[in-house]
Amino acid sequence: MKNIFFTLLASFFILSCTAQDKQPATVKTLTPTAFKQKELNRKAMLVDVRTPEEFSEGHLDGAVNSDFRSGAFAKEIQTWNKDKTYYLYCASGNRSGKAAELMKEAGFKHIYNIGAYQELKEAGIPHEKATKQ
């Protein structure tokens, strides 16, 4: 009887640990102020999902551009590391929200929608000004 109890207990423990590993990722939303407090490292990627034209008008320092509307984003994420942390933004937070959901469905684990470029800029997050004249 004692052996049956311990076998059941061990099985329950193993199954509960396995279930925790398979929990779906969630997309987290950060305010500009909360994002400003984050320290980005090599395991993080800042992604501007606006069009190349919007990106050239100004973007956050260190951001890479991956155009959500053109379909480039959907193709590019196929080569990205799913264990990295990704911070996504766009003009209003709408495209970055959709892009974040796409990443979630693709199995990415650490996804943040940080919202609108203008609000991030106004919060004092370092940015590069327009490259066009």
Protein backbone atom coordinates (compact mmCIF):
# COMPACT_ATOMS: atom_id res chain seq x y z
CA MET A 1 0.00 0.00 0.00
CA LYS A 2 2.82 2.35 0.88
CA ASN A 3 4.52 1.70 -2.48
CA ILE A 4 1.31 2.47 -4.37
CA PHE A 5 0.94 5.78 -2.54
CA PHE A 6 4.53 6.83 -3.32
CA THR A 7 4.18 5.75 -6.95
CA LEU A 8 1.00 7.83 -7.32
CA LEU A 9 2.60 10.78 -5.56
CA ALA A 10 5.69 10.60 -7.79
CA SER A 11 3.52 10.32 -10.91
CA PHE A 12 1.49 13.35 -9.86
CA PHE A 13 4.66 15.34 -9.21
CA ILE A 14 6.18 14.45 -12.59
CA LEU A 15 2.96 15.28 -14.44
CA SER A 16 2.54 18.60 -12.67
CA CYS A 17 6.13 19.63 -13.51
CA THR A 18 5.63 18.65 -17.13
CA ALA A 19 2.37 20.60 -17.34
CA GLN A 20 4.07 23.74 -16.06
CA ASP A 21 6.68 23.57 -18.81
CA LYS A 22 3.98 23.46 -21.47
CA GLN A 23 2.04 26.48 -20.30
CA PRO A 24 1.50 28.85 -23.20
CA ALA A 25 3.50 32.04 -23.31
CA THR A 26 1.71 35.26 -22.61
CA VAL A 27 2.20 38.64 -24.18
CA LYS A 28 2.96 41.21 -21.52
CA THR A 29 2.26 44.90 -21.93
CA LEU A 30 4.68 47.47 -20.55
CA THR A 31 4.09 51.17 -20.13
CA PRO A 32 6.81 53.46 -21.46
CA THR A 33 7.87 54.15 -17.87
CA ALA A 34 8.14 50.44 -17.05
CA PHE A 35 10.10 49.79 -20.25
CA LYS A 36 12.44 52.68 -19.47
CA GLN A 37 13.46 50.89 -16.25
CA LYS A 38 14.42 47.70 -18.11
CA GLU A 39 18.07 47.09 -18.86
CA LEU A 40 18.36 45.47 -22.25
CA ASN A 41 21.10 42.91 -22.76
CA ARG A 42 22.23 40.55 -25.49
CA LYS A 43 19.30 38.25 -24.75
CA ALA A 44 16.83 40.99 -25.62
CA MET A 45 15.77 42.42 -28.96
CA LEU A 46 13.97 45.71 -29.53
CA VAL A 47 11.76 45.46 -32.62
CA ASP A 48 10.02 48.30 -34.45
CA VAL A 49 7.26 46.70 -36.54
CA ARG A 50 6.39 49.88 -38.44
CA THR A 51 7.10 50.34 -42.14
CA PRO A 52 10.64 51.22 -43.28
CA GLU A 53 9.40 54.73 -44.07
CA GLU A 54 8.09 55.21 -40.53
CA PHE A 55 11.31 53.73 -39.12
CA SER A 56 13.44 56.17 -41.12
CA GLU A 57 11.47 59.08 -39.62
CA GLY A 58 12.84 58.11 -36.20
CA HIS A 59 13.07 55.03 -33.99
CA LEU A 60 14.30 53.90 -30.59
CA ASP A 61 18.06 53.44 -30.20
CA GLY A 62 19.07 49.87 -30.92
CA ALA A 63 15.78 48.89 -32.57
CA VAL A 64 15.66 46.66 -35.60
CA ASN A 65 12.95 47.21 -38.18
CA SER A 66 10.73 44.30 -39.19
CA ASP A 67 7.71 45.52 -41.15
CA PHE A 68 4.56 43.79 -39.92
CA ARG A 69 2.30 45.05 -42.71
CA SER A 70 4.44 43.80 -45.59
CA GLY A 71 4.71 40.26 -44.23
CA ALA A 72 8.45 40.62 -43.62
CA PHE A 73 7.89 40.20 -39.88
CA ALA A 74 6.16 36.83 -40.26
CA LYS A 75 9.07 35.57 -42.37
CA GLU A 76 11.83 37.01 -40.22
CA ILE A 77 10.60 35.60 -36.91
CA GLN A 78 11.10 32.10 -38.32
CA THR A 79 14.85 32.62 -37.91
CA TRP A 80 14.76 34.30 -34.48
CA ASN A 81 15.70 32.62 -31.21
CA LYS A 82 12.50 31.73 -29.33
CA ASP A 83 14.24 31.93 -25.95
CA LYS A 84 15.26 35.60 -26.29
CA THR A 85 13.19 38.44 -24.87
CA TYR A 86 11.46 40.65 -27.45
CA TYR A 87 10.16 44.19 -26.95
CA LEU A 88 7.84 45.28 -29.78
CA TYR A 89 6.50 48.72 -30.65
CA CYS A 90 4.80 50.52 -33.52
CA ALA A 91 2.95 53.80 -34.08
CA SER A 92 -0.02 53.09 -31.79
CA GLY A 93 0.53 49.69 -30.16
CA ASN A 94 -1.91 47.95 -32.50
CA ARG A 95 0.54 46.37 -34.95
CA SER A 96 2.96 45.51 -32.16
CA GLY A 97 0.10 43.76 -30.34
CA LYS A 98 -0.74 41.72 -33.44
CA ALA A 99 2.94 40.96 -34.01
CA ALA A 100 3.30 39.85 -30.39
CA GLU A 101 0.34 37.48 -30.75
CA LEU A 102 1.90 36.03 -33.90
CA MET A 103 5.12 35.41 -31.96
CA LYS A 104 3.16 33.80 -29.13
CA GLU A 105 1.49 31.42 -31.59
CA ALA A 106 4.91 30.59 -33.05
CA GLY A 107 6.19 29.51 -29.63
CA PHE A 108 8.17 32.52 -28.44
CA LYS A 109 8.36 32.67 -24.65
CA HIS A 110 9.24 36.25 -23.64
CA ILE A 111 7.23 38.86 -25.52
CA TYR A 112 6.45 42.42 -24.52
CA ASN A 113 4.27 44.94 -26.32
CA ILE A 114 5.70 48.30 -25.31
CA GLY A 115 3.21 50.31 -27.36
CA ALA A 116 3.49 53.51 -29.32
CA TYR A 117 6.71 55.09 -30.57
CA GLN A 118 5.60 58.66 -29.80
CA GLU A 119 4.74 57.79 -26.20
CA LEU A 120 8.05 55.97 -25.75
CA LYS A 121 9.89 58.96 -27.17
CA GLU A 122 7.98 61.38 -24.91
CA ALA A 123 8.89 59.21 -21.89
CA GLY A 124 12.52 60.01 -22.58
CA ILE A 125 13.61 56.72 -24.06
CA PRO A 126 16.66 57.32 -26.27
CA HIS A 127 15.79 57.50 -29.94
CA GLU A 128 17.35 58.28 -33.27
CA LYS A 129 15.92 61.15 -35.23
CA ALA A 130 14.86 61.03 -38.85
CA THR A 131 17.47 59.91 -41.33
CA LYS A 132 15.66 61.69 -44.19
CA GLN A 133 15.81 65.41 -44.83
